Amino acid sequence: MESIVKRRVEVNGIKMHIAEKGEGPVVLFLHGFPELWYSWRHQILALSSLGYRAVAPDLRGYGDTDAPPTVSSYNCLHIVGDLVALIDSLGVDQVFLVGHDWGANIGWYLCMFRPEKVKK
């Protein structure tokens, strides 16, 4: 879709699928349930054209991201750990954070547990 790059990155012991486009400050999009990165495709294109690097992962257990077999692998600490490792792998200290539905809940946990990783 219009040069959106898709790749998998190693984060927190799993391989996470991400879609990204653009250069500049990173905007990290977190999808809801039962969605994928694809729900952000229009926003990725729009923000990348405005000078941002838009990044949307498939969260743990969704889409092309690994799905660990145990229920305990899906607590908020693991998922926030995935996001912190993703942010670090992008080579930035902070991101602009956007979350929808269940992704908003995960975003709130990221803000509570690791506020230094979130710019706005």
N, C-alpha and C. Protein backbone atom coordinates (compact mmCIF):
# COMPACT_ATOMS: atom_id res chain seq x y z
N MET A 1 0.84 -1.19 0.00
CA MET A 1 0.00 0.00 0.00
C MET A 1 0.87 1.23 0.00
N GLU A 2 1.00 1.86 -1.13
CA GLU A 2 1.71 3.12 -1.30
C GLU A 2 3.03 3.19 -0.54
N SER A 3 3.86 2.19 -0.72
CA SER A 3 5.21 2.13 -0.17
C SER A 3 5.27 2.07 1.35
N ILE A 4 4.24 1.59 2.00
CA ILE A 4 4.36 1.29 3.43
C ILE A 4 5.26 0.07 3.54
N VAL A 5 6.32 0.20 4.34
CA VAL A 5 7.28 -0.89 4.50
C VAL A 5 6.82 -1.77 5.65
N LYS A 6 6.81 -3.09 5.40
CA LYS A 6 6.46 -4.05 6.43
C LYS A 6 7.68 -4.92 6.72
N ARG A 7 7.93 -5.12 8.01
CA ARG A 7 9.07 -5.95 8.41
C ARG A 7 8.81 -6.52 9.79
N ARG A 8 9.67 -7.46 10.19
CA ARG A 8 9.59 -8.04 11.53
C ARG A 8 10.84 -7.66 12.30
N VAL A 9 10.66 -7.29 13.57
CA VAL A 9 11.78 -6.92 14.41
C VAL A 9 11.75 -7.79 15.67
N GLU A 10 12.93 -8.07 16.19
CA GLU A 10 13.06 -8.84 17.43
C GLU A 10 12.85 -7.90 18.60
N VAL A 11 11.83 -8.16 19.42
CA VAL A 11 11.56 -7.34 20.60
C VAL A 11 11.14 -8.24 21.75
N ASN A 12 11.77 -8.09 22.88
CA ASN A 12 11.30 -8.73 24.11
C ASN A 12 11.07 -10.24 23.95
N GLY A 13 11.91 -10.90 23.18
CA GLY A 13 11.82 -12.35 23.02
C GLY A 13 10.84 -12.83 21.95
N ILE A 14 10.23 -11.93 21.20
CA ILE A 14 9.32 -12.31 20.12
C ILE A 14 9.70 -11.56 18.84
N LYS A 15 9.15 -11.99 17.73
CA LYS A 15 9.29 -11.26 16.47
C LYS A 15 7.99 -10.50 16.23
N MET A 16 8.12 -9.19 16.14
CA MET A 16 6.95 -8.31 15.99
C MET A 16 6.90 -7.79 14.56
N HIS A 17 5.74 -7.88 13.96
CA HIS A 17 5.51 -7.34 12.62
C HIS A 17 5.14 -5.86 12.76
N ILE A 18 5.81 -5.02 11.97
CA ILE A 18 5.47 -3.60 11.98
C ILE A 18 5.30 -3.11 10.55
N ALA A 19 4.51 -2.07 10.42
CA ALA A 19 4.35 -1.35 9.15
C ALA A 19 4.78 0.07 9.43
N GLU A 20 5.57 0.64 8.53
CA GLU A 20 6.08 1.99 8.77
C GLU A 20 6.29 2.74 7.47
N LYS A 21 6.29 4.05 7.60
CA LYS A 21 6.55 4.92 6.45
C LYS A 21 6.94 6.29 6.98
N GLY A 22 7.86 6.93 6.26
CA GLY A 22 8.23 8.30 6.57
C GLY A 22 9.51 8.44 7.35
N GLU A 23 9.88 9.70 7.54
CA GLU A 23 11.06 10.07 8.31
C GLU A 23 10.70 11.23 9.21
N GLY A 24 11.35 11.28 10.35
CA GLY A 24 11.09 12.35 11.30
C GLY A 24 10.69 11.77 12.64
N PRO A 25 10.06 12.59 13.48
CA PRO A 25 9.61 12.09 14.79
C PRO A 25 8.67 10.90 14.61
N VAL A 26 8.78 9.93 15.51
CA VAL A 26 7.99 8.70 15.39
C VAL A 26 6.62 8.87 16.04
N VAL A 27 5.59 8.49 15.27
CA VAL A 27 4.23 8.36 15.79
C VAL A 27 3.95 6.87 15.83
N LEU A 28 3.69 6.34 17.03
CA LEU A 28 3.44 4.92 17.23
C LEU A 28 1.95 4.69 17.39
N PHE A 29 1.38 3.89 16.50
CA PHE A 29 -0.06 3.59 16.51
C PHE A 29 -0.30 2.20 17.11
N LEU A 30 -1.22 2.11 18.07
CA LEU A 30 -1.57 0.85 18.70
C LEU A 30 -3.01 0.49 18.35
N HIS A 31 -3.19 -0.64 17.71
CA HIS A 31 -4.50 -1.05 17.23
C HIS A 31 -5.39 -1.60 18.34
N GLY A 32 -6.67 -1.67 18.04
CA GLY A 32 -7.66 -2.23 18.96
C GLY A 32 -7.91 -3.70 18.69
N PHE A 33 -8.93 -4.22 19.33
CA PHE A 33 -9.33 -5.63 19.19
C PHE A 33 -10.53 -5.70 18.26
N PRO A 34 -10.52 -6.59 17.33
CA PRO A 34 -9.51 -7.56 16.89
C PRO A 34 -8.78 -7.09 15.64
N GLU A 35 -8.20 -5.94 15.68
CA GLU A 35 -7.62 -5.31 14.51
C GLU A 35 -6.13 -5.62 14.36
N LEU A 36 -5.53 -5.02 13.33
CA LEU A 36 -4.11 -5.16 13.03
C LEU A 36 -3.57 -3.78 12.67
N TRP A 37 -2.29 -3.72 12.29
CA TRP A 37 -1.68 -2.48 11.83
C TRP A 37 -2.50 -1.84 10.74
N TYR A 38 -3.16 -2.65 9.92
CA TYR A 38 -3.87 -2.19 8.73
C TYR A 38 -4.96 -1.16 9.04
N SER A 39 -5.48 -1.20 10.25
CA SER A 39 -6.53 -0.23 10.61
C SER A 39 -5.97 1.20 10.65
N TRP A 40 -4.65 1.34 10.66
CA TRP A 40 -4.01 2.66 10.69
C TRP A 40 -3.46 3.09 9.34
N ARG A 41 -3.74 2.36 8.26
CA ARG A 41 -3.12 2.60 6.97
C ARG A 41 -3.31 4.03 6.46
N HIS A 42 -4.49 4.59 6.65
CA HIS A 42 -4.75 5.95 6.17
C HIS A 42 -3.96 6.98 6.99
N GLN A 43 -3.89 6.78 8.30
CA GLN A 43 -3.14 7.68 9.16
C GLN A 43 -1.64 7.58 8.90
N ILE A 44 -1.15 6.36 8.60
CA ILE A 44 0.26 6.19 8.27
C ILE A 44 0.62 7.03 7.05
N LEU A 45 -0.20 6.93 6.03
CA LEU A 45 0.06 7.69 4.81
C LEU A 45 -0.02 9.20 5.05
N ALA A 46 -1.05 9.62 5.79
CA ALA A 46 -1.23 11.05 6.03
C ALA A 46 -0.09 11.64 6.85
N LEU A 47 0.26 11.00 7.95
CA LEU A 47 1.30 11.57 8.82
C LEU A 47 2.69 11.46 8.20
N SER A 48 2.93 10.41 7.44
CA SER A 48 4.25 10.31 6.80
C SER A 48 4.43 11.42 5.77
N SER A 49 3.35 11.87 5.17
CA SER A 49 3.45 12.97 4.21
C SER A 49 3.66 14.32 4.89
N LEU A 50 3.47 14.36 6.21
CA LEU A 50 3.63 15.60 6.97
C LEU A 50 4.95 15.67 7.75
N GLY A 51 5.85 14.74 7.47
CA GLY A 51 7.17 14.79 8.10
C GLY A 51 7.32 13.93 9.33
N TYR A 52 6.48 12.93 9.50
CA TYR A 52 6.58 12.01 10.63
C TYR A 52 6.95 10.62 10.13
N ARG A 53 7.54 9.85 11.02
CA ARG A 53 7.76 8.43 10.77
C ARG A 53 6.62 7.70 11.48
N ALA A 54 5.69 7.19 10.72
CA ALA A 54 4.52 6.52 11.28
C ALA A 54 4.79 5.02 11.37
N VAL A 55 4.58 4.46 12.56
CA VAL A 55 4.87 3.05 12.81
C VAL A 55 3.65 2.41 13.47
N ALA A 56 3.21 1.30 12.90
CA ALA A 56 2.06 0.57 13.46
C ALA A 56 2.40 -0.91 13.55
N PRO A 57 2.54 -1.45 14.76
CA PRO A 57 2.83 -2.88 14.91
C PRO A 57 1.54 -3.69 14.97
N ASP A 58 1.68 -4.98 14.65
CA ASP A 58 0.69 -5.96 15.09
C ASP A 58 1.12 -6.31 16.50
N LEU A 59 0.28 -6.08 17.48
CA LEU A 59 0.65 -6.35 18.86
C LEU A 59 0.80 -7.85 19.11
N ARG A 60 1.40 -8.19 20.21
CA ARG A 60 1.66 -9.58 20.60
C ARG A 60 0.40 -10.43 20.42
N GLY A 61 0.56 -11.52 19.64
CA GLY A 61 -0.56 -12.44 19.43
C GLY A 61 -1.46 -12.10 18.26
N TYR A 62 -1.20 -11.00 17.59
CA TYR A 62 -2.04 -10.55 16.47
C TYR A 62 -1.26 -10.63 15.16
N GLY A 63 -1.98 -10.89 14.08
CA GLY A 63 -1.42 -10.81 12.73
C GLY A 63 -0.15 -11.61 12.57
N ASP A 64 0.88 -10.96 12.06
CA ASP A 64 2.15 -11.63 11.79
C ASP A 64 3.16 -11.49 12.92
N THR A 65 2.72 -11.02 14.08
CA THR A 65 3.59 -10.99 15.27
C THR A 65 3.44 -12.32 15.99
N ASP A 66 4.53 -12.78 16.59
CA ASP A 66 4.49 -14.05 17.31
C ASP A 66 3.40 -14.08 18.37
N ALA A 67 2.88 -15.27 18.60
CA ALA A 67 1.84 -15.49 19.61
C ALA A 67 2.34 -16.54 20.60
N PRO A 68 2.96 -16.10 21.70
CA PRO A 68 3.42 -17.08 22.70
C PRO A 68 2.24 -17.93 23.19
N PRO A 69 2.51 -19.20 23.52
CA PRO A 69 1.41 -20.12 23.83
C PRO A 69 0.75 -19.96 25.21
N THR A 70 1.45 -19.34 26.16
CA THR A 70 0.88 -19.30 27.51
C THR A 70 0.11 -18.01 27.76
N VAL A 71 -0.98 -18.12 28.50
CA VAL A 71 -1.81 -16.97 28.83
C VAL A 71 -1.01 -15.92 29.59
N SER A 72 -0.11 -16.37 30.45
CA SER A 72 0.67 -15.43 31.26
C SER A 72 1.62 -14.57 30.41
N SER A 73 1.81 -14.94 29.15
CA SER A 73 2.67 -14.15 28.26
C SER A 73 1.98 -12.90 27.74
N TYR A 74 0.72 -12.68 28.14
CA TYR A 74 -0.04 -11.56 27.60
C TYR A 74 -0.42 -10.52 28.65
N ASN A 75 0.28 -10.53 29.78
CA ASN A 75 -0.04 -9.49 30.77
C ASN A 75 0.52 -8.15 30.32
N CYS A 76 0.09 -7.10 30.97
CA CYS A 76 0.46 -5.75 30.52
C CYS A 76 1.96 -5.50 30.60
N LEU A 77 2.65 -6.17 31.50
CA LEU A 77 4.10 -5.97 31.60
C LEU A 77 4.82 -6.51 30.37
N HIS A 78 4.38 -7.67 29.87
CA HIS A 78 4.99 -8.22 28.65
C HIS A 78 4.71 -7.31 27.45
N ILE A 79 3.47 -6.85 27.35
CA ILE A 79 3.10 -6.04 26.19
C ILE A 79 3.79 -4.68 26.22
N VAL A 80 3.86 -4.06 27.40
CA VAL A 80 4.61 -2.81 27.51
C VAL A 80 6.09 -3.06 27.22
N GLY A 81 6.60 -4.17 27.67
CA GLY A 81 7.99 -4.53 27.36
C GLY A 81 8.23 -4.64 25.86
N ASP A 82 7.24 -5.19 25.15
CA ASP A 82 7.34 -5.25 23.68
C ASP A 82 7.46 -3.85 23.10
N LEU A 83 6.64 -2.94 23.59
CA LEU A 83 6.63 -1.57 23.04
C LEU A 83 7.91 -0.83 23.38
N VAL A 84 8.42 -0.99 24.59
CA VAL A 84 9.68 -0.34 24.96
C VAL A 84 10.80 -0.86 24.07
N ALA A 85 10.85 -2.17 23.86
CA ALA A 85 11.88 -2.74 22.99
C ALA A 85 11.69 -2.27 21.54
N LEU A 86 10.45 -2.13 21.10
CA LEU A 86 10.19 -1.63 19.75
C LEU A 86 10.69 -0.20 19.61
N ILE A 87 10.36 0.64 20.58
CA ILE A 87 10.82 2.04 20.54
C ILE A 87 12.34 2.09 20.49
N ASP A 88 12.98 1.29 21.32
CA ASP A 88 14.45 1.25 21.31
C ASP A 88 14.98 0.77 19.96
N SER A 89 14.32 -0.23 19.36
CA SER A 89 14.79 -0.75 18.07
C SER A 89 14.63 0.25 16.95
N LEU A 90 13.73 1.22 17.12
CA LEU A 90 13.53 2.27 16.11
C LEU A 90 14.61 3.34 16.21
N GLY A 91 15.42 3.28 17.25
CA GLY A 91 16.52 4.22 17.41
C GLY A 91 16.11 5.58 17.92
N VAL A 92 14.98 5.63 18.64
CA VAL A 92 14.51 6.89 19.21
C VAL A 92 14.32 6.74 20.71
N ASP A 93 14.30 7.89 21.39
CA ASP A 93 14.08 7.86 22.84
C ASP A 93 12.61 7.96 23.20
N GLN A 94 11.84 8.70 22.38
CA GLN A 94 10.43 8.95 22.67
C GLN A 94 9.59 8.87 21.40
N VAL A 95 8.29 8.62 21.61
CA VAL A 95 7.35 8.58 20.49
C VAL A 95 6.12 9.41 20.82
N PHE A 96 5.45 9.85 19.77
CA PHE A 96 4.08 10.34 19.90
C PHE A 96 3.22 9.09 19.87
N LEU A 97 2.29 8.95 20.80
CA LEU A 97 1.55 7.70 20.97
C LEU A 97 0.08 7.89 20.63
N VAL A 98 -0.44 6.99 19.81
CA VAL A 98 -1.86 7.01 19.44
C VAL A 98 -2.40 5.60 19.64
N GLY A 99 -3.48 5.46 20.41
CA GLY A 99 -4.08 4.15 20.63
C GLY A 99 -5.58 4.19 20.45
N HIS A 100 -6.11 3.06 19.98
CA HIS A 100 -7.54 2.92 19.75
C HIS A 100 -8.04 1.67 20.46
N ASP A 101 -9.18 1.79 21.16
CA ASP A 101 -9.81 0.62 21.77
C ASP A 101 -8.82 -0.04 22.73
N TRP A 102 -8.55 -1.30 22.58
CA TRP A 102 -7.64 -2.02 23.46
C TRP A 102 -6.23 -1.43 23.37
N GLY A 103 -5.85 -0.92 22.20
CA GLY A 103 -4.54 -0.28 22.06
C GLY A 103 -4.41 0.95 22.94
N ALA A 104 -5.53 1.65 23.21
CA ALA A 104 -5.49 2.80 24.12
C ALA A 104 -5.15 2.34 25.53
N ASN A 105 -5.72 1.22 25.95
CA ASN A 105 -5.39 0.69 27.28
C ASN A 105 -3.90 0.37 27.38
N ILE A 106 -3.36 -0.25 26.36
CA ILE A 106 -1.93 -0.58 26.36
C ILE A 106 -1.12 0.72 26.38
N GLY A 107 -1.55 1.72 25.63
CA GLY A 107 -0.88 3.02 25.63
C GLY A 107 -0.87 3.65 27.00
N TRP A 108 -1.98 3.52 27.72
CA TRP A 108 -2.03 4.07 29.08
C TRP A 108 -1.02 3.37 29.98
N TYR A 109 -0.91 2.05 29.84
CA TYR A 109 0.09 1.32 30.63
C TYR A 109 1.50 1.77 30.28
N LEU A 110 1.77 1.97 29.00
CA LEU A 110 3.09 2.46 28.61
C LEU A 110 3.37 3.81 29.25
N CYS A 111 2.39 4.69 29.24
CA CYS A 111 2.55 6.01 29.87
C CYS A 111 2.76 5.91 31.38
N MET A 112 2.08 4.98 32.03
CA MET A 112 2.22 4.82 33.48
C MET A 112 3.56 4.22 33.87
N PHE A 113 3.95 3.14 33.15
CA PHE A 113 5.14 2.40 33.55
C PHE A 113 6.44 2.98 32.98
N ARG A 114 6.36 3.59 31.80
CA ARG A 114 7.57 4.12 31.16
C ARG A 114 7.30 5.48 30.54
N PRO A 115 6.93 6.46 31.36
CA PRO A 115 6.55 7.77 30.82
C PRO A 115 7.66 8.46 30.04
N GLU A 116 8.90 8.11 30.31
CA GLU A 116 10.00 8.75 29.59
C GLU A 116 10.06 8.35 28.11
N LYS A 117 9.31 7.31 27.73
CA LYS A 117 9.29 6.84 26.34
C LYS A 117 8.23 7.56 25.50
N VAL A 118 7.36 8.34 26.15
CA VAL A 118 6.23 8.96 25.44
C VAL A 118 6.39 10.47 25.46
N LYS A 119 6.42 11.07 24.27
CA LYS A 119 6.52 12.52 24.17
C LYS A 119 5.15 13.15 24.36
N LYS A 120 4.17 12.66 23.68
CA LYS A 120 2.79 13.18 23.77
C LYS A 120 1.83 12.05 23.55
